[in-house]
C-alpha atoms as a PDB file:
ATOM      1  CA  MET A   1     -19.422 -24.034  -4.596  1.00  0.00           C
ATOM      2  CA  PRO A   2     -16.431 -23.431  -2.300  1.00  0.00           C
ATOM      3  CA  ARG A   3     -13.016 -24.069  -3.783  1.00  0.00           C
ATOM      4  CA  SER A   4     -10.884 -26.804  -2.297  1.00  0.00           C
ATOM      5  CA  VAL A   5      -7.899 -26.078  -0.103  1.00  0.00           C
ATOM      6  CA  SER A   6      -4.537 -26.131  -1.868  1.00  0.00           C
ATOM      7  CA  ASN A   7      -2.460 -29.255  -1.446  1.00  0.00           C
ATOM      8  CA  SER A   8       0.491 -27.291  -0.098  1.00  0.00           C
ATOM      9  CA  LYS A   9       1.577 -27.972   3.451  1.00  0.00           C
ATOM     10  CA  SER A  10       0.122 -25.790   6.197  1.00  0.00           C
ATOM     11  CA  PRO A  11       2.455 -22.767   6.563  1.00  0.00           C
ATOM     12  CA  LEU A  12       1.710 -22.110  10.255  1.00  0.00           C
ATOM     13  CA  LYS A  13       4.587 -21.626  12.680  1.00  0.00           C
ATOM     14  CA  ARG A  14       3.470 -22.508  16.182  1.00  0.00           C
ATOM     15  CA  GLY A  15       5.160 -20.582  18.919  1.00  0.00           C
ATOM     16  CA  ALA A  16       5.910 -17.690  16.567  1.00  0.00           C
ATOM     17  CA  SER A  17       5.312 -14.104  17.674  1.00  0.00           C
ATOM     18  CA  THR A  18       2.484 -13.797  15.128  1.00  0.00           C
ATOM     19  CA  SER A  19      -0.776 -15.408  16.255  1.00  0.00           C
ATOM     20  CA  LEU A  20      -2.133 -18.441  14.408  1.00  0.00           C
ATOM     21  CA  TYR A  21      -5.205 -16.619  13.112  1.00  0.00           C
ATOM     22  CA  GLN A  22      -3.022 -13.832  11.690  1.00  0.00           C
ATOM     23  CA  GLN A  23      -0.856 -16.421   9.945  1.00  0.00           C
ATOM     24  CA  ILE A  24      -3.994 -18.001   8.456  1.00  0.00           C
ATOM     25  CA  ARG A  25      -5.257 -14.599   7.330  1.00  0.00           C
ATOM     26  CA  ARG A  26      -1.974 -13.896   5.561  1.00  0.00           C
ATOM     27  CA  SER A  27      -1.923 -17.348   3.976  1.00  0.00           C
ATOM     28  CA  ILE A  28      -5.432 -16.920   2.552  1.00  0.00           C
ATOM     29  CA  LEU A  29      -4.641 -13.405   1.320  1.00  0.00           C
ATOM     30  CA  THR A  30      -1.496 -14.721  -0.368  1.00  0.00           C
ATOM     31  CA  ASP A  31      -3.656 -17.342  -2.117  1.00  0.00           C
ATOM     32  CA  ILE A  32      -6.042 -14.590  -3.233  1.00  0.00           C
ATOM     33  CA  TRP A  33      -3.187 -12.512  -4.659  1.00  0.00           C
ATOM     34  CA  SER A  34      -1.607 -15.518  -6.346  1.00  0.00           C
ATOM     35  CA  GLY A  35      -4.883 -16.187  -8.202  1.00  0.00           C
ATOM     36  CA  LEU A  36      -5.884 -19.372  -6.379  1.00  0.00           C
ATOM     37  CA  TYR A  37      -9.046 -17.564  -5.288  1.00  0.00           C
ATOM     38  CA  ARG A  38     -10.557 -14.865  -7.497  1.00  0.00           C
ATOM     39  CA  SER A  39     -13.307 -12.299  -6.971  1.00  0.00           C
ATOM     40  CA  GLY A  40     -16.603 -14.170  -6.698  1.00  0.00           C
ATOM     41  CA  ASP A  41     -15.056 -17.443  -5.525  1.00  0.00           C
ATOM     42  CA  LEU A  42     -16.120 -19.012  -2.257  1.00  0.00           C
ATOM     43  CA  LEU A  43     -13.370 -19.804   0.213  1.00  0.00           C
ATOM     44  CA  PRO A  44     -13.093 -23.402   1.432  1.00  0.00           C
ATOM     45  CA  SER A  45     -15.421 -24.201   4.319  1.00  0.00           C
ATOM     46  CA  GLU A  46     -14.356 -23.521   7.894  1.00  0.00           C
ATOM     47  CA  SER A  47     -14.057 -27.258   8.523  1.00  0.00           C
ATOM     48  CA  ASP A  48     -11.809 -27.721   5.466  1.00  0.00           C
ATOM     49  CA  LEU A  49      -9.629 -24.764   6.481  1.00  0.00           C
ATOM     50  CA  SER A  50      -9.469 -26.072  10.065  1.00  0.00           C
ATOM     51  CA  ALA A  51      -8.269 -29.451   8.838  1.00  0.00           C
ATOM     52  CA  HIS A  52      -5.762 -27.902   6.452  1.00  0.00           C
ATOM     53  CA  PHE A  53      -4.193 -25.604   9.048  1.00  0.00           C
ATOM     54  CA  GLY A  54      -4.589 -28.020  11.975  1.00  0.00           C
ATOM     55  CA  VAL A  55      -6.480 -25.555  14.165  1.00  0.00           C
ATOM     56  CA  ASN A  56      -9.975 -25.267  15.588  1.00  0.00           C
ATOM     57  CA  ARG A  57     -12.776 -23.551  13.687  1.00  0.00           C
ATOM     58  CA  LEU A  58     -12.782 -20.555  16.049  1.00  0.00           C
ATOM     59  CA  THR A  59      -9.231 -19.686  14.969  1.00  0.00           C
ATOM     60  CA  VAL A  60     -10.204 -19.975  11.306  1.00  0.00           C
ATOM     61  CA  ARG A  61     -13.257 -17.821  11.944  1.00  0.00           C
ATOM     62  CA  GLN A  62     -11.076 -15.096  13.463  1.00  0.00           C
ATOM     63  CA  ALA A  63      -8.945 -15.125  10.331  1.00  0.00           C
ATOM     64  CA  VAL A  64     -11.796 -14.836   7.830  1.00  0.00           C
ATOM     65  CA  HIS A  65     -13.517 -12.194   9.969  1.00  0.00           C
ATOM     66  CA  ALA A  66     -10.314 -10.143   9.810  1.00  0.00           C
ATOM     67  CA  LEU A  67     -10.267 -10.521   6.018  1.00  0.00           C
ATOM     68  CA  ALA A  68     -13.911  -9.431   5.920  1.00  0.00           C
ATOM     69  CA  ASN A  69     -13.136  -6.336   8.019  1.00  0.00           C
ATOM     70  CA  GLN A  70     -10.384  -5.446   5.525  1.00  0.00           C
ATOM     71  CA  GLY A  71     -12.784  -5.808   2.587  1.00  0.00           C
ATOM     72  CA  PHE A  72     -11.268  -8.884   0.947  1.00  0.00           C
ATOM     73  CA  VAL A  73     -14.170 -11.298   1.637  1.00  0.00           C
ATOM     74  CA  ARG A  74     -17.789 -11.120   2.732  1.00  0.00           C
ATOM     75  CA  PRO A  75     -20.022 -13.607   4.568  1.00  0.00           C
ATOM     76  CA  LEU A  76     -22.838 -15.245   2.605  1.00  0.00           C
ATOM     77  CA  HIS A  77     -25.569 -16.642   4.848  1.00  0.00           C
ATOM     78  CA  GLY A  78     -25.376 -20.405   4.858  1.00  0.00           C
ATOM     79  CA  ARG A  79     -22.713 -20.507   2.129  1.00  0.00           C
ATOM     80  CA  GLY A  80     -19.488 -19.371   3.776  1.00  0.00           C
ATOM     81  CA  TYR A  81     -17.248 -16.524   2.631  1.00  0.00           C
ATOM     82  CA  GLN A  82     -16.944 -15.059  -0.856  1.00  0.00           C
ATOM     83  CA  VAL A  83     -13.898 -13.231  -2.182  1.00  0.00           C
ATOM     84  CA  THR A  84     -14.988  -9.672  -2.977  1.00  0.00           C
ATOM     85  CA  SER A  85     -11.692  -7.917  -3.660  1.00  0.00           C
ATOM     86  CA  THR A  86      -8.200  -8.922  -4.711  1.00  0.00           C
ATOM     87  CA  THR A  87      -6.716  -5.468  -4.183  1.00  0.00           C
ATOM     88  CA  LEU A  88      -5.580  -3.305  -1.306  1.00  0.00           C
ATOM     89  CA  SER A  89      -7.740  -0.234  -0.890  1.00  0.00           C
ATOM     90  CA  ALA A  90      -6.060   2.865   0.506  1.00  0.00           C
ATOM     91  CA  ASP A  91      -7.812   6.182   1.081  1.00  0.00           C
ATOM     92  CA  VAL A  92      -5.507   8.717  -0.575  1.00  0.00           C
ATOM     93  CA  LEU A  93      -7.020  11.517   1.486  1.00  0.00           C
ATOM     94  CA  THR A  94      -5.999  10.002   4.815  1.00  0.00           C
ATOM     95  CA  THR A  95      -3.068   7.673   4.055  1.00  0.00           C
ATOM     96  CA  THR A  96       0.105   9.725   4.448  1.00  0.00           C
ATOM     97  CA  SER A  97       2.496   6.818   4.978  1.00  0.00           C
ATOM     98  CA  LEU A  98       1.915   3.605   3.036  1.00  0.00           C
ATOM     99  CA  SER A  99       4.232   1.737   5.435  1.00  0.00           C
ATOM    100  CA  HIS A 100       2.150   2.759   8.451  1.00  0.00           C
ATOM    101  CA  TYR A 101      -1.096   1.960   6.610  1.00  0.00           C
ATOM    102  CA  LEU A 102       0.090  -1.577   5.836  1.00  0.00           C
ATOM    103  CA  GLN A 103       1.285  -1.978   9.411  1.00  0.00           C
ATOM    104  CA  GLU A 104      -2.169  -1.017  10.706  1.00  0.00           C
ATOM    105  CA  LEU A 105      -3.693  -3.661   8.427  1.00  0.00           C
ATOM    106  CA  GLY A 106      -1.331  -6.213   9.898  1.00  0.00           C
ATOM    107  CA  LEU A 107       0.139  -7.036   6.499  1.00  0.00           C
ATOM    108  CA  GLU A 108       3.714  -8.201   6.199  1.00  0.00           C
ATOM    109  CA  SER A 109       5.368  -5.602   4.005  1.00  0.00           C
ATOM    110  CA  GLU A 110       8.874  -4.895   2.763  1.00  0.00           C
ATOM    111  CA  THR A 111      10.308  -1.638   1.499  1.00  0.00           C
ATOM    112  CA  SER A 112      13.714  -1.718  -0.125  1.00  0.00           C
ATOM    113  CA  ILE A 113      15.704   1.344  -1.123  1.00  0.00           C
ATOM    114  CA  LEU A 114      16.678   0.950  -4.767  1.00  0.00           C
ATOM    115  CA  SER A 115      18.670   4.166  -5.024  1.00  0.00           C
ATOM    116  CA  THR A 116      19.402   7.481  -3.341  1.00  0.00           C
ATOM    117  CA  GLU A 117      20.964  10.090  -5.586  1.00  0.00           C
ATOM    118  CA  LEU A 118      21.405  13.761  -6.282  1.00  0.00           C
ATOM    119  CA  VAL A 119      19.712  14.736  -9.564  1.00  0.00           C
ATOM    120  CA  VAL A 120      18.617  17.812 -11.482  1.00  0.00           C
ATOM    121  CA  ALA A 121      14.910  18.545 -11.013  1.00  0.00           C
ATOM    122  CA  ASN A 122      12.743  18.299 -14.104  1.00  0.00           C
ATOM    123  CA  SER A 123      10.025  20.895 -14.599  1.00  0.00           C
ATOM    124  CA  GLU A 124       7.309  18.900 -12.816  1.00  0.00           C
ATOM    125  CA  VAL A 125       9.440  18.316  -9.719  1.00  0.00           C
ATOM    126  CA  ALA A 126      10.797  21.871  -9.662  1.00  0.00           C
ATOM    127  CA  ASP A 127       7.330  23.411  -9.964  1.00  0.00           C
ATOM    128  CA  GLY A 128       5.972  21.097  -7.267  1.00  0.00           C
ATOM    129  CA  LEU A 129       8.697  22.063  -4.806  1.00  0.00           C
ATOM    130  CA  GLY A 130       8.679  25.716  -5.789  1.00  0.00           C
ATOM    131  CA  LEU A 131      12.259  25.596  -7.074  1.00  0.00           C
ATOM    132  CA  ARG A 132      13.909  27.059 -10.134  1.00  0.00           C
ATOM    133  CA  ARG A 133      14.226  24.757 -13.148  1.00  0.00           C
ATOM    134  CA  GLY A 134      17.426  22.745 -12.957  1.00  0.00           C
ATOM    135  CA  ALA A 135      17.765  22.939  -9.166  1.00  0.00           C
ATOM    136  CA  ARG A 136      19.446  19.996  -7.446  1.00  0.00           C
ATOM    137  CA  VAL A 137      17.162  17.615  -5.591  1.00  0.00           C
ATOM    138  CA  VAL A 138      17.555  14.377  -3.656  1.00  0.00           C
ATOM    139  CA  LYS A 139      15.781  11.455  -5.342  1.00  0.00           C
ATOM    140  CA  ILE A 140      14.936   8.326  -3.335  1.00  0.00           C
ATOM    141  CA  THR A 141      13.515   5.327  -5.202  1.00  0.00           C
ATOM    142  CA  ARG A 142      11.845   2.519  -3.263  1.00  0.00           C
ATOM    143  CA  HIS A 143      10.347  -0.890  -4.065  1.00  0.00           C
ATOM    144  CA  ARG A 144       7.343  -1.996  -2.029  1.00  0.00           C
ATOM    145  CA  LEU A 145       6.120  -5.553  -1.509  1.00  0.00           C
ATOM    146  CA  VAL A 146       3.274  -6.988   0.532  1.00  0.00           C
ATOM    147  CA  LEU A 147       3.315 -10.694   1.390  1.00  0.00           C
ATOM    148  CA  LYS A 148       6.283 -11.006  -0.996  1.00  0.00           C
ATOM    149  CA  ALA A 149       4.222  -9.607  -3.913  1.00  0.00           C
ATOM    150  CA  PRO A 150       5.318  -6.307  -5.528  1.00  0.00           C
ATOM    151  CA  ILE A 151       2.724  -3.545  -5.222  1.00  0.00           C
ATOM    152  CA  ALA A 152       4.537  -0.310  -6.047  1.00  0.00           C
ATOM    153  CA  VAL A 153       7.652   1.518  -7.103  1.00  0.00           C
ATOM    154  CA  ASP A 154       7.851   5.043  -5.778  1.00  0.00           C
ATOM    155  CA  GLU A 155      10.144   7.997  -6.291  1.00  0.00           C
ATOM    156  CA  ALA A 156      10.382  10.866  -3.798  1.00  0.00           C
ATOM    157  CA  PHE A 157      12.120  14.196  -4.439  1.00  0.00           C
ATOM    158  CA  TYR A 158      13.392  16.733  -1.894  1.00  0.00           C
ATOM    159  CA  ASP A 159      15.126  20.098  -2.112  1.00  0.00           C
ATOM    160  CA  ALA A 160      18.810  19.224  -1.677  1.00  0.00           C
ATOM    161  CA  ALA A 161      19.563  22.593  -0.072  1.00  0.00           C
ATOM    162  CA  LYS A 162      16.786  22.203   2.518  1.00  0.00           C
ATOM    163  CA  PHE A 163      17.491  18.541   3.309  1.00  0.00           C
ATOM    164  CA  GLU A 164      21.272  18.583   3.327  1.00  0.00           C
ATOM    165  CA  GLY A 165      22.674  15.227   4.410  1.00  0.00           C
ATOM    166  CA  LEU A 166      19.558  13.233   3.478  1.00  0.00           C
ATOM    167  CA  LEU A 167      21.619  10.943   1.256  1.00  0.00           C
ATOM    168  CA  GLN A 168      23.514   9.777   4.353  1.00  0.00           C
ATOM    169  CA  VAL A 169      20.419   9.066   6.505  1.00  0.00           C
ATOM    170  CA  ASP A 170      19.921   5.356   7.233  1.00  0.00           C
ATOM    171  CA  LEU A 171      16.490   4.346   5.916  1.00  0.00           C
ATOM    172  CA  THR A 172      16.948   0.608   6.375  1.00  0.00           C
ATOM    173  CA  HIS A 173      14.754   0.053   9.427  1.00  0.00           C
ATOM    174  CA  ARG A 174      12.291   2.952   9.388  1.00  0.00           C
ATOM    175  CA  SER A 175       9.938   4.711   7.032  1.00  0.00           C
ATOM    176  CA  LEU A 176      11.103   7.742   5.099  1.00  0.00           C
ATOM    177  CA  LEU A 177       8.587  10.012   6.815  1.00  0.00           C
ATOM    178  CA  GLU A 178       9.708   8.773  10.223  1.00  0.00           C
ATOM    179  CA  ALA A 179      13.306   9.555   9.320  1.00  0.00           C
ATOM    180  CA  LEU A 180      12.388  13.039   8.113  1.00  0.00           C
ATOM    181  CA  TYR A 181      10.511  13.680  11.352  1.00  0.00           C
ATOM    182  CA  LYS A 182      13.333  12.490  13.606  1.00  0.00           C
ATOM    183  CA  VAL A 183      16.239  13.987  11.673  1.00  0.00           C
ATOM    184  CA  TYR A 184      14.691  17.200  10.333  1.00  0.00           C
ATOM    185  CA  ASP A 185      11.721  17.643  12.718  1.00  0.00           C
ATOM    186  CA  LEU A 186       9.458  17.606   9.653  1.00  0.00           C
ATOM    187  CA  ARG A 187       5.711  17.488  10.266  1.00  0.00           C
ATOM    188  CA  ILE A 188       3.232  17.082   7.431  1.00  0.00           C
ATOM    189  CA  GLY A 189       0.274  19.461   7.318  1.00  0.00           C
ATOM    190  CA  ARG A 190      -1.438  18.331   4.129  1.00  0.00           C
ATOM    191  CA  THR A 191      -0.982  16.339   0.943  1.00  0.00           C
ATOM    192  CA  ALA A 192      -2.265  17.123  -2.555  1.00  0.00           C
ATOM    193  CA  THR A 193      -2.658  14.057  -4.770  1.00  0.00           C
ATOM    194  CA  GLU A 194      -3.179  13.713  -8.518  1.00  0.00           C
ATOM    195  CA  LEU A 195      -3.999  10.374 -10.157  1.00  0.00           C
ATOM    196  CA  ARG A 196      -3.293   9.318 -13.714  1.00  0.00           C
ATOM    197  CA  ALA A 197      -2.613   6.170 -15.718  1.00  0.00           C
ATOM    198  CA  GLU A 198       0.710   5.365 -17.356  1.00  0.00           C
ATOM    199  CA  LEU A 199       2.423   2.362 -18.908  1.00  0.00           C
ATOM    200  CA  ALA A 200       4.753   0.347 -16.706  1.00  0.00           C
ATOM    201  CA  ASN A 201       7.724   0.752 -19.083  1.00  0.00           C
ATOM    202  CA  GLU A 202      11.027   0.542 -17.201  1.00  0.00           C
ATOM    203  CA  ARG A 203       9.250  -0.304 -13.910  1.00  0.00           C
ATOM    204  CA  ALA A 204       7.618  -3.422 -15.371  1.00  0.00           C
ATOM    205  CA  GLU A 205      10.201  -5.936 -14.150  1.00  0.00           C
ATOM    206  CA  LEU A 206      10.039  -4.642 -10.576  1.00  0.00           C
ATOM    207  CA  LEU A 207       6.237  -4.885 -10.598  1.00  0.00           C
ATOM    208  CA  GLY A 208       6.174  -8.271 -12.317  1.00  0.00           C
ATOM    209  CA  ILE A 209       4.033  -7.093 -15.239  1.00  0.00           C
ATOM    210  CA  PRO A 210       4.570  -6.481 -18.989  1.00  0.00           C
ATOM    211  CA  ALA A 211       6.081  -3.147 -20.011  1.00  0.00           C
ATOM    212  CA  SER A 212       2.875  -2.358 -21.932  1.00  0.00           C
ATOM    213  CA  ALA A 213       0.653  -2.962 -18.875  1.00  0.00           C
ATOM    214  CA  PRO A 214      -0.996   0.072 -17.268  1.00  0.00           C
ATOM    215  CA  VAL A 215      -0.028   1.245 -13.794  1.00  0.00           C
ATOM    216  CA  LEU A 216      -1.820   3.645 -11.505  1.00  0.00           C
ATOM    217  CA  LEU A 217       0.352   6.693 -10.904  1.00  0.00           C
ATOM    218  CA  ALA A 218      -0.296   8.798  -7.826  1.00  0.00           C
ATOM    219  CA  LYS A 219       1.622  12.065  -7.857  1.00  0.00           C
ATOM    220  CA  SER A 220       1.606  13.725  -4.458  1.00  0.00           C
ATOM    221  CA  VAL A 221       2.954  16.958  -3.055  1.00  0.00           C
ATOM    222  CA  MET A 222       3.415  17.075   0.707  1.00  0.00           C
ATOM    223  CA  TYR A 223       3.352  20.346   2.617  1.00  0.00           C
ATOM    224  CA  ASP A 224       4.649  21.133   6.088  1.00  0.00           C
ATOM    225  CA  LEU A 225       2.708  22.918   8.822  1.00  0.00           C
ATOM    226  CA  ASN A 226       3.636  26.264   7.251  1.00  0.00           C
ATOM    227  CA  ASP A 227       2.239  25.069   3.907  1.00  0.00           C
ATOM    228  CA  ASN A 228       5.636  24.867   2.244  1.00  0.00           C
ATOM    229  CA  ALA A 229       6.058  22.064  -0.289  1.00  0.00           C
ATOM    230  CA  VAL A 230       8.629  19.605   1.081  1.00  0.00           C
ATOM    231  CA  GLU A 231       8.197  16.467  -1.041  1.00  0.00           C
ATOM    232  CA  VAL A 232       7.089  15.590  -4.553  1.00  0.00           C
ATOM    233  CA  GLY A 233       6.363  11.893  -4.908  1.00  0.00           C
ATOM    234  CA  PHE A 234       5.441   9.573  -7.769  1.00  0.00           C
ATOM    235  CA  ALA A 235       4.046   6.174  -6.737  1.00  0.00           C
ATOM    236  CA  TYR A 236       3.558   3.643  -9.531  1.00  0.00           C
ATOM    237  CA  TYR A 237       1.059   1.046  -8.290  1.00  0.00           C
ATOM    238  CA  HIS A 238       0.413  -2.475  -9.580  1.00  0.00           C
ATOM    239  CA  SER A 239      -3.194  -1.787 -10.608  1.00  0.00           C
ATOM    240  CA  ASP A 240      -4.314  -5.408 -10.063  1.00  0.00           C
ATOM    241  CA  ARG A 241      -3.207  -5.300  -6.425  1.00  0.00           C
ATOM    242  CA  VAL A 242      -3.897  -1.738  -5.288  1.00  0.00           C
ATOM    243  CA  LYS A 243      -6.837   0.607  -5.673  1.00  0.00           C
ATOM    244  CA  LEU A 244      -6.948   4.150  -4.341  1.00  0.00           C
ATOM    245  CA  THR A 245     -10.183   5.455  -2.891  1.00  0.00           C
ATOM    246  CA  PHE A 246     -11.498   8.868  -1.933  1.00  0.00           C
ATOM    247  CA  SER A 247     -13.761   9.666   1.005  1.00  0.00           C
ATOM    248  CA  SER A 248     -14.379  13.114   2.412  1.00  0.00           C
ATOM    249  CA  PRO A 249     -17.094  14.818   4.464  1.00  0.00           C
ATOM    250  CA  ILE A 250     -19.545  17.157   2.761  1.00  0.00           C
ATOM    251  CA  ASP A 251     -20.368  20.452   4.422  1.00  0.00           C
ATOM    252  CA  PRO A 252     -24.192  20.565   4.461  1.00  0.00           C
ATOM    253  CA  ARG A 253     -24.026  24.338   3.978  1.00  0.00           C
ATOM    254  CA  SER A 254     -22.511  23.736   0.544  1.00  0.00           C
ATOM    255  CA  TRP A 255     -25.270  21.351  -0.517  1.00  0.00           C
ATOM    256  CA  PRO A 256     -27.265  23.109  -3.248  1.00  0.00           C
ATOM    257  CA  TYR A 257     -30.594  21.377  -2.552  1.00  0.00           C
ATOM    258  CA  GLY A 258     -31.997  22.493   0.730  1.00  0.00           C
ATOM    259  CA  GLY A 259     -28.788  22.819   2.721  1.00  0.00           C
ATOM    260  CA  VAL A 260     -28.811  24.493   6.114  1.00  0.00           C
END
């Protein structure tokens, strides 16, 4: 049975630059992330959503279709729409910039710079960048939110000698990769990613979870067009809000059972 619409006032802003159906999509997704709707729940009917938001059913239908295309809900014949996922799903093999990925999804995201500092590289960072142990690197720590909900804390490390002046680059209104491209003419050729689980620990408060809760850690090494390592990154994801997927083509010549 579909859940009822929340009693909160319709959040739509008429005349805003964002279309009404996009505002409805974001409102429903926020309700999914807040726990009002869980996986397996049916959304309120189109007529109930239309009445709640004060729009026609076609506008509501656009919104739920967009959510379906993003994998958050699915249509059930004669029953409406069922919540199928409460997490963002990013393909780690094709998503180089999380900011650009969220922008393509049309999700309102915020990235705040928590710190930019010069530090001594630990062994994992030094090996990833091909530096000697104890080399000086620039460390940039960011906090990422989507629809006001925290999804990740990430730390990026760069060779301080190669990226001299990076600490002074303004990262307020553009992504880090965009800044590196415009300031240093850096182009990314490939990314190698390693996934592992860790406890939230000191990142717990920023992610809004207990310190003993698990987070999904994606360690990535980015390489330029000459295959030189230019960034080592550690992204600590809120595992209830983000899942990382893999999809890659298979060369039929490598298939062991009757390949061409």
